[in-house]
Amino acid sequence: MKLSGWIGGLSAAALILLAAWWFLRPVVGPDTARKVQTQAREDSTITSREDSPGGSAQPASGQEIPMQPPDPALRAELENLRSRLAQKPDREEVRRILRAWADKILAGDPDRAAAALLEFLRSGQDEPTGLEFLVGEGGLEEWPSLRAFLLDLLGKVDPEEAARYARAKVIPAKNSTVEYAVSLRILWNHGGAQEASPELTQAWLGLLQKPDWSVRPGAAWMESLDFAGRLPAALPVFVGAATEWLAAPAASEGKAEAAQLALERSARNHPVETMGTLMQNPAWLSQGRGPGIRASLFARADLADTKQAEILDRYLSSLDPASPEATAFSKAFPYRKFSVSPGLSGFPDLQTPEEIRTSNLAAAEFFGRAMAEGRYPGLRDEIAQIQARLLELNRIK
């Protein structure tokens, strides 16, 4: 076959195949095309979040993550809110205004609300509210500044954006103890996790160790000490600081009392880690109010737990029988008093009546065995007092 004839035959075959494809091709209408484009955008967003540190979408330029434009109406309402606060209404009126505004935002479109709240926070604007930093049963009930109120509200409207803003802006800057405390709560509640993450631990230590914040602490700083009872990895640093405050409580600006409450909650939430930390350094909690508080923390031991029983055994073996601490321990055990007031991290964990009964029975067995084996010879009178107390408690069903 000649070359020209071969090319002509090939061209004819190509035309036939092209015609067949044209008639058999899938028809993509406008709706399908939009779905494909939308999926492509979603896939792109997912990829950018997976590729970025912490799973958060971060543009290559390092700029803020683009969001939909804020609703002009919400923007205007935010400015009106700021203007009303600038007029210095009385405390009850401020509370009423903020509650009504929060209710409206929470009932609306969360995406539009988050965009408006973030725009205001990024603007740097603020206005004092005249309120305190007050924690209630449902979370924060008062906020000293408009920014603190809006940041807390953002944590309810869009927890992901709130956590991202806290990580990127509030935690590194350390400009406001109030906003920092709100950010700690946001990170604690992020995703409903309430976990002692390394990120939260480091953020909390940043607050604890900032000198100008701790010298004259405000209410937000004090309330943030509640997280000491949730973050076992931070306990050595916290106990070291608490030792100094409890040694001279009058000069501690209220930190001694806050530390005592935080240690109490730590002993309940993380008993093994708390008692283990105290055993690491005999100098910790050794002065001022420290020994009495240390005795009360060990007096909370649940001896139905083998690990706690082992640590208590080491504590009693090292305890000076003639010390006021030994007397304090024998008078306190078993120590069941706990504060049930809510903290910045929520309510403390409490034992159930059945758990208390099981713990008391285990304690009676522990001290009965100690007496039979002649352990803690210098504490025999104290142990006898404890046994009598446990006998009475276990008789009460």
Protein backbone atom coordinates (compact mmCIF):
# COMPACT_ATOMS: atom_id res chain seq x y z
CA MET A 1 0.00 0.00 0.00
CA LYS A 2 1.20 3.46 -0.84
CA LEU A 3 2.00 5.86 2.06
CA SER A 4 -0.71 8.32 1.01
CA GLY A 5 -3.34 5.59 0.96
CA TRP A 6 -2.24 4.30 4.40
CA ILE A 7 -2.54 7.82 5.92
CA GLY A 8 -5.93 8.30 4.33
CA GLY A 9 -7.21 5.02 5.83
CA LEU A 10 -5.86 5.98 9.25
CA SER A 11 -7.57 9.38 9.09
CA ALA A 12 -10.89 7.77 8.21
CA ALA A 13 -10.58 5.35 11.17
CA ALA A 14 -9.78 8.25 13.53
CA LEU A 15 -12.87 10.15 12.36
CA ILE A 16 -15.06 7.09 13.00
CA LEU A 17 -13.65 6.68 16.57
CA LEU A 18 -14.12 10.40 17.30
CA ALA A 19 -17.74 10.26 16.19
CA ALA A 20 -18.39 7.20 18.36
CA TRP A 21 -16.91 8.91 21.44
CA TRP A 22 -19.02 12.04 20.83
CA PHE A 23 -22.31 10.13 20.82
CA LEU A 24 -21.38 7.82 23.76
CA ARG A 25 -19.68 10.41 26.05
CA PRO A 26 -21.30 11.04 29.54
CA VAL A 27 -23.18 14.30 29.63
CA VAL A 28 -22.19 16.54 32.57
CA GLY A 29 -24.86 19.07 33.41
CA PRO A 30 -24.43 22.26 35.42
CA ASP A 31 -25.34 20.61 38.76
CA THR A 32 -22.80 17.83 38.28
CA ALA A 33 -20.13 20.33 37.30
CA ARG A 34 -20.75 22.33 40.45
CA LYS A 35 -20.48 19.17 42.58
CA VAL A 36 -17.16 18.30 40.99
CA GLN A 37 -15.83 21.82 41.60
CA THR A 38 -17.07 21.78 45.21
CA GLN A 39 -15.48 18.40 45.88
CA ALA A 40 -12.22 19.66 44.38
CA ARG A 41 -12.23 22.61 46.79
CA GLU A 42 -13.01 20.33 49.76
CA ASP A 43 -10.26 17.91 48.78
CA SER A 44 -7.85 20.84 48.51
CA THR A 45 -8.83 22.06 52.00
CA ILE A 46 -8.45 18.61 53.54
CA THR A 47 -5.03 18.20 51.95
CA SER A 48 -3.83 21.58 53.24
CA ARG A 49 -4.98 20.73 56.79
CA GLU A 50 -3.33 17.31 56.75
CA ASP A 51 -0.07 18.76 55.46
CA SER A 52 0.08 21.53 58.09
CA PRO A 53 1.36 21.11 61.68
CA GLY A 54 -1.33 20.06 64.13
CA GLY A 55 -3.75 19.27 61.34
CA SER A 56 -4.75 22.92 60.98
CA ALA A 57 -5.04 24.55 57.60
CA GLN A 58 -2.25 27.08 57.17
CA PRO A 59 -1.70 29.03 53.97
CA ALA A 60 1.79 28.85 52.53
CA SER A 61 2.20 32.60 53.03
CA GLY A 62 1.60 32.26 56.81
CA GLN A 63 -1.40 34.59 56.64
CA GLU A 64 -4.67 34.04 58.49
CA ILE A 65 -6.87 31.23 57.22
CA PRO A 66 -9.44 32.77 54.85
CA MET A 67 -13.02 32.65 56.04
CA GLN A 68 -16.26 33.89 54.61
CA PRO A 69 -16.67 37.65 55.00
CA PRO A 70 -18.33 38.70 58.26
CA ASP A 71 -22.01 39.52 58.09
CA PRO A 72 -22.28 43.35 57.85
CA ALA A 73 -25.22 43.25 60.23
CA LEU A 74 -23.22 41.33 62.86
CA ARG A 75 -20.28 43.67 62.35
CA ALA A 76 -22.57 46.63 63.05
CA GLU A 77 -24.08 44.91 66.10
CA LEU A 78 -20.60 44.26 67.49
CA GLU A 79 -19.71 47.92 67.13
CA ASN A 80 -22.99 48.83 68.81
CA LEU A 81 -22.17 46.43 71.65
CA ARG A 82 -18.78 48.07 72.14
CA SER A 83 -20.38 51.53 72.12
CA ARG A 84 -22.94 50.52 74.74
CA LEU A 85 -20.20 49.22 77.04
CA ALA A 86 -18.25 52.45 76.54
CA GLN A 87 -21.18 54.26 78.17
CA LYS A 88 -20.34 52.43 81.45
CA PRO A 89 -23.73 50.94 82.32
CA ASP A 90 -24.12 49.40 85.79
CA ARG A 91 -23.00 45.85 86.49
CA GLU A 92 -26.42 44.19 86.21
CA GLU A 93 -27.13 45.97 82.94
CA VAL A 94 -23.81 44.79 81.51
CA ARG A 95 -24.58 41.22 82.51
CA ARG A 96 -28.01 41.48 80.88
CA ILE A 97 -26.56 42.93 77.67
CA LEU A 98 -23.88 40.27 77.37
CA ARG A 99 -26.26 37.40 78.12
CA ALA A 100 -28.73 38.62 75.50
CA TRP A 101 -25.97 39.07 72.94
CA ALA A 102 -24.56 35.59 73.62
CA ASP A 103 -28.01 33.99 73.32
CA LYS A 104 -28.54 35.68 69.94
CA ILE A 105 -25.15 34.61 68.59
CA LEU A 106 -25.53 31.02 69.76
CA ALA A 107 -28.94 30.80 68.08
CA GLY A 108 -27.66 32.08 64.74
CA ASP A 109 -25.39 30.89 61.93
CA PRO A 110 -22.13 29.70 63.57
CA ASP A 111 -19.99 30.38 60.49
CA ARG A 112 -21.14 33.98 60.16
CA ALA A 113 -20.80 34.50 63.90
CA ALA A 114 -17.27 33.06 63.98
CA ALA A 115 -16.21 35.30 61.10
CA ALA A 116 -17.50 38.42 62.87
CA LEU A 117 -15.99 37.46 66.23
CA LEU A 118 -12.59 36.71 64.68
CA GLU A 119 -12.58 39.98 62.77
CA PHE A 120 -13.18 41.93 65.96
CA LEU A 121 -10.54 39.99 67.93
CA ARG A 122 -7.95 40.47 65.18
CA SER A 123 -8.69 44.20 65.08
CA GLY A 124 -7.26 44.66 68.58
CA GLN A 125 -10.30 46.63 69.75
CA ASP A 126 -11.53 46.21 73.31
CA GLU A 127 -13.71 47.76 75.97
CA PRO A 128 -13.76 47.09 79.74
CA THR A 129 -17.00 45.63 81.06
CA GLY A 130 -16.63 46.55 84.71
CA LEU A 131 -17.23 42.89 85.59
CA GLU A 132 -14.99 40.40 87.39
CA PHE A 133 -13.46 37.19 86.09
CA LEU A 134 -16.05 34.83 87.51
CA VAL A 135 -16.39 31.06 87.02
CA GLY A 136 -19.79 29.47 87.48
CA GLU A 137 -21.36 26.06 87.06
CA GLY A 138 -21.77 26.45 83.32
CA GLY A 139 -18.39 28.04 82.65
CA LEU A 140 -17.47 31.71 82.77
CA GLU A 141 -20.23 33.99 84.04
CA GLU A 142 -18.38 37.30 84.03
CA TRP A 143 -15.61 38.74 81.84
CA PRO A 144 -13.57 41.87 82.66
CA SER A 145 -13.23 42.83 79.00
CA LEU A 146 -15.23 42.63 75.80
CA ARG A 147 -12.41 40.70 74.12
CA ALA A 148 -12.48 38.04 76.85
CA PHE A 149 -16.24 37.71 76.45
CA LEU A 150 -16.02 37.37 72.66
CA LEU A 151 -13.13 34.89 72.82
CA ASP A 152 -15.08 32.73 75.27
CA LEU A 153 -18.12 32.99 72.99
CA LEU A 154 -16.02 32.00 69.97
CA GLY A 155 -15.03 28.86 71.88
CA LYS A 156 -18.70 27.88 71.99
CA VAL A 157 -19.59 28.94 68.44
CA ASP A 158 -16.57 27.45 66.67
CA PRO A 159 -14.20 25.54 69.01
CA GLU A 160 -11.78 24.76 66.16
CA GLU A 161 -11.33 28.40 65.15
CA ALA A 162 -11.14 29.46 68.79
CA ALA A 163 -8.38 26.95 69.51
CA ARG A 164 -6.52 28.01 66.39
CA TYR A 165 -6.74 31.68 67.37
CA ALA A 166 -5.62 30.94 70.93
CA ARG A 167 -2.57 28.99 69.71
CA ALA A 168 -1.57 31.56 67.11
CA LYS A 169 -2.28 34.83 68.92
CA VAL A 170 -2.98 34.65 72.65
CA ILE A 171 -0.60 31.98 73.96
CA PRO A 172 2.56 33.24 72.19
CA ALA A 173 1.88 36.93 72.92
CA LYS A 174 1.10 36.63 76.65
CA ASN A 175 -0.39 40.12 76.69
CA SER A 176 -3.45 39.48 78.85
CA THR A 177 -3.92 37.07 81.75
CA VAL A 178 -7.68 37.20 81.19
CA GLU A 179 -7.51 36.19 77.53
CA TYR A 180 -4.81 33.65 78.38
CA ALA A 181 -7.04 32.03 81.01
CA VAL A 182 -9.94 31.89 78.53
CA SER A 183 -7.57 30.32 75.98
CA LEU A 184 -6.52 27.62 78.46
CA ARG A 185 -10.18 26.73 78.93
CA ILE A 186 -10.68 26.63 75.15
CA LEU A 187 -7.69 24.30 74.67
CA TRP A 188 -8.90 22.07 77.54
CA ASN A 189 -12.38 21.74 76.04
CA HIS A 190 -11.21 21.58 72.40
CA GLY A 191 -13.01 18.75 70.65
CA GLY A 192 -14.62 17.75 73.94
CA ALA A 193 -11.34 16.05 74.81
CA GLN A 194 -10.52 17.51 78.24
CA GLU A 195 -7.11 15.88 78.02
CA ALA A 196 -3.83 16.85 79.63
CA SER A 197 -2.12 17.37 76.28
CA PRO A 198 1.55 18.45 76.07
CA GLU A 199 0.35 21.60 74.30
CA LEU A 200 -1.95 22.57 77.17
CA THR A 201 0.69 21.67 79.76
CA GLN A 202 3.27 23.96 78.15
CA ALA A 203 0.72 26.75 77.76
CA TRP A 204 -0.24 26.52 81.43
CA LEU A 205 3.40 26.48 82.55
CA GLY A 206 3.87 29.63 80.48
CA LEU A 207 1.27 31.36 82.64
CA LEU A 208 2.67 29.98 85.90
CA GLN A 209 6.24 31.02 85.14
CA LYS A 210 5.62 34.53 83.77
CA PRO A 211 7.07 36.68 86.60
CA ASP A 212 5.07 39.86 86.10
CA TRP A 213 1.82 37.87 86.13
CA SER A 214 2.62 35.80 89.23
CA VAL A 215 3.96 38.64 91.42
CA ARG A 216 0.57 40.35 91.72
CA PRO A 217 -1.87 37.83 90.32
CA GLY A 218 -5.39 38.78 89.31
CA ALA A 219 -8.52 36.66 89.47
CA ALA A 220 -7.93 35.10 86.04
CA TRP A 221 -4.41 33.99 87.00
CA MET A 222 -5.67 32.54 90.28
CA GLU A 223 -8.50 30.67 88.60
CA SER A 224 -6.00 29.24 86.11
CA LEU A 225 -4.23 27.41 88.95
CA ASP A 226 -7.18 25.01 88.76
CA PHE A 227 -5.38 23.35 85.85
CA ALA A 228 -2.63 22.19 88.21
CA GLY A 229 -5.10 19.50 89.23
CA ARG A 230 -5.48 18.34 85.62
CA LEU A 231 -1.89 18.34 84.32
CA PRO A 232 0.27 15.67 86.02
CA ALA A 233 3.33 16.48 83.90
CA ALA A 234 3.38 20.01 85.35
CA LEU A 235 3.21 18.88 88.99
CA PRO A 236 6.95 19.09 89.83
CA VAL A 237 7.08 22.73 88.70
CA PHE A 238 3.83 23.58 90.44
CA VAL A 239 4.72 21.86 93.73
CA GLY A 240 8.02 23.72 93.73
CA ALA A 241 6.19 27.04 93.35
CA ALA A 242 3.50 26.08 95.87
CA THR A 243 6.20 25.23 98.44
CA GLU A 244 7.37 28.83 98.40
CA TRP A 245 3.85 30.26 98.66
CA LEU A 246 2.82 27.95 101.51
CA ALA A 247 6.04 28.65 103.41
CA ALA A 248 5.06 32.32 103.71
CA PRO A 249 1.31 32.54 103.02
CA ALA A 250 0.94 36.13 104.25
CA ALA A 251 3.31 37.32 101.52
CA SER A 252 1.87 35.15 98.77
CA GLU A 253 -0.90 37.51 97.59
CA GLY A 254 -3.50 34.77 98.00
CA LYS A 255 -1.50 32.19 96.05
CA ALA A 256 -1.11 29.92 99.09
CA GLU A 257 -4.87 29.41 99.37
CA ALA A 258 -5.25 28.87 95.62
CA ALA A 259 -2.36 26.38 95.65
CA GLN A 260 -3.92 24.42 98.50
CA LEU A 261 -7.16 24.04 96.55
CA ALA A 262 -5.28 23.06 93.38
CA LEU A 263 -3.23 20.42 95.25
CA GLU A 264 -6.41 19.04 96.78
CA ARG A 265 -7.95 18.59 93.34
CA SER A 266 -4.74 17.13 91.99
CA ALA A 267 -4.75 14.53 94.77
CA ARG A 268 -8.27 13.56 93.77
CA ASN A 269 -7.86 13.64 89.99
CA HIS A 270 -4.34 12.16 89.84
CA PRO A 271 -3.54 10.62 93.25
CA VAL A 272 -0.64 8.40 92.20
CA GLU A 273 1.13 11.19 90.31
CA THR A 274 0.50 13.70 93.12
CA MET A 275 1.79 11.52 95.96
CA GLY A 276 4.65 10.26 93.79
CA THR A 277 5.71 13.83 93.03
CA LEU A 278 5.68 14.77 96.72
CA MET A 279 7.94 11.80 97.50
CA GLN A 280 10.53 12.96 94.95
CA ASN A 281 11.81 15.84 97.07
CA PRO A 282 11.51 15.95 100.90
CA ALA A 283 11.96 19.73 100.79
CA TRP A 284 8.70 20.23 98.94
CA LEU A 285 5.88 21.41 101.25
CA SER A 286 8.24 21.24 104.24
CA GLN A 287 7.75 24.73 105.69
CA GLY A 288 4.93 26.95 106.93
CA ARG A 289 1.58 25.41 106.04
CA GLY A 290 3.28 22.88 103.80
CA PRO A 291 3.66 19.91 106.19
CA GLY A 292 0.02 20.03 107.27
CA ILE A 293 -1.16 20.17 103.67
CA ARG A 294 1.21 17.39 102.66
CA ALA A 295 -0.22 15.24 105.48
CA SER A 296 -3.77 15.92 104.27
CA LEU A 297 -2.84 14.97 100.70
CA PHE A 298 -1.47 11.59 101.80
CA ALA A 299 -4.46 11.17 104.11
CA ARG A 300 -6.62 11.16 100.95
CA ALA A 301 -4.98 7.96 99.68
CA ASP A 302 -7.38 5.31 98.42
CA LEU A 303 -5.81 2.12 99.77
CA ALA A 304 -8.00 -0.04 97.55
CA ASP A 305 -5.54 1.06 94.82
CA THR A 306 -2.30 -0.94 95.10
CA LYS A 307 -0.14 1.86 93.71
CA GLN A 308 -1.48 4.39 96.20
CA ALA A 309 -0.99 1.89 99.04
CA GLU A 310 2.65 1.38 98.02
CA ILE A 311 3.35 5.13 97.99
CA LEU A 312 1.62 5.63 101.36
CA ASP A 313 3.76 2.86 102.81
CA ARG A 314 6.92 4.72 101.73
CA TYR A 315 5.55 7.98 103.12
CA LEU A 316 4.74 6.49 106.54
CA SER A 317 8.11 4.73 106.67
CA SER A 318 9.86 8.08 106.17
CA LEU A 319 7.60 10.13 108.46
CA ASP A 320 9.10 11.46 111.69
CA PRO A 321 6.80 10.17 114.46
CA ALA A 322 7.50 13.25 116.61
CA SER A 323 6.65 15.74 113.87
CA PRO A 324 3.48 17.84 113.71
CA GLU A 325 2.97 16.31 110.26
CA ALA A 326 2.60 12.83 111.78
CA THR A 327 -0.03 14.19 114.17
CA ALA A 328 -1.81 15.95 111.33
CA PHE A 329 -1.89 12.75 109.26
CA SER A 330 -3.26 10.61 112.10
CA LYS A 331 -6.01 13.15 112.81
CA ALA A 332 -6.99 13.50 109.15
CA PHE A 333 -6.98 9.93 107.77
CA PRO A 334 -9.18 9.06 105.97
CA TYR A 335 -9.59 12.60 104.64
CA ARG A 336 -12.71 12.87 102.47
CA LYS A 337 -13.35 16.62 102.40
CA PHE A 338 -13.32 18.13 98.94
CA SER A 339 -14.33 21.45 97.47
CA VAL A 340 -17.16 20.87 95.02
CA SER A 341 -17.18 24.35 93.54
CA PRO A 342 -16.53 24.54 89.77
CA GLY A 343 -13.10 25.55 88.52
CA LEU A 344 -11.88 26.85 85.19
CA SER A 345 -11.46 23.24 84.04
CA GLY A 346 -14.90 22.22 85.28
CA PHE A 347 -16.07 20.30 88.33
CA PRO A 348 -13.64 18.15 90.35
CA ASP A 349 -13.92 14.38 90.27
CA LEU A 350 -15.52 13.04 93.47
CA GLN A 351 -15.73 9.58 94.98
CA THR A 352 -19.06 7.82 95.07
CA PRO A 353 -20.38 6.49 98.42
CA GLU A 354 -19.59 2.94 97.29
CA GLU A 355 -16.02 3.93 96.38
CA ILE A 356 -15.59 5.54 99.80
CA ARG A 357 -16.86 2.42 101.56
CA THR A 358 -14.51 0.18 99.55
CA SER A 359 -11.62 2.53 100.33
CA ASN A 360 -12.38 2.51 104.07
CA LEU A 361 -12.47 -1.29 104.17
CA ALA A 362 -9.14 -1.48 102.32
CA ALA A 363 -7.64 1.06 104.73
CA ALA A 364 -8.73 -1.00 107.75
CA GLU A 365 -7.02 -4.03 106.23
CA PHE A 366 -3.86 -2.00 105.39
CA PHE A 367 -3.40 -0.62 108.93
CA GLY A 368 -4.42 -3.88 110.60
CA ARG A 369 -1.70 -5.68 108.66
CA ALA A 370 0.80 -2.91 109.51
CA MET A 371 0.12 -3.32 113.22
CA ALA A 372 0.39 -7.10 113.01
CA GLU A 373 3.71 -6.86 111.17
CA GLY A 374 5.11 -4.19 113.47
CA ARG A 375 5.50 -1.61 110.73
CA TYR A 376 5.91 2.09 111.56
CA PRO A 377 6.81 1.37 115.23
CA GLY A 378 6.92 5.04 116.14
CA LEU A 379 3.38 5.54 114.90
CA ARG A 380 1.58 2.78 116.81
CA ASP A 381 -0.54 5.16 118.87
CA GLU A 382 -1.47 7.18 115.77
CA ILE A 383 -2.34 4.02 113.85
CA ALA A 384 -4.51 2.82 116.73
CA GLN A 385 -6.46 6.09 116.49
CA ILE A 386 -6.88 5.59 112.74
CA GLN A 387 -8.08 1.99 113.25
CA ALA A 388 -10.69 3.08 115.76
CA ARG A 389 -11.94 5.73 113.33
CA LEU A 390 -12.13 3.24 110.46
CA LEU A 391 -13.93 0.72 112.64
CA GLU A 392 -16.62 3.28 113.33
CA LEU A 393 -16.86 4.33 109.67
CA ASN A 394 -17.14 0.74 108.48
CA ARG A 395 -19.85 0.02 111.06
CA ILE A 396 -21.99 2.72 109.44
CA LYS A 397 -23.52 1.06 106.35
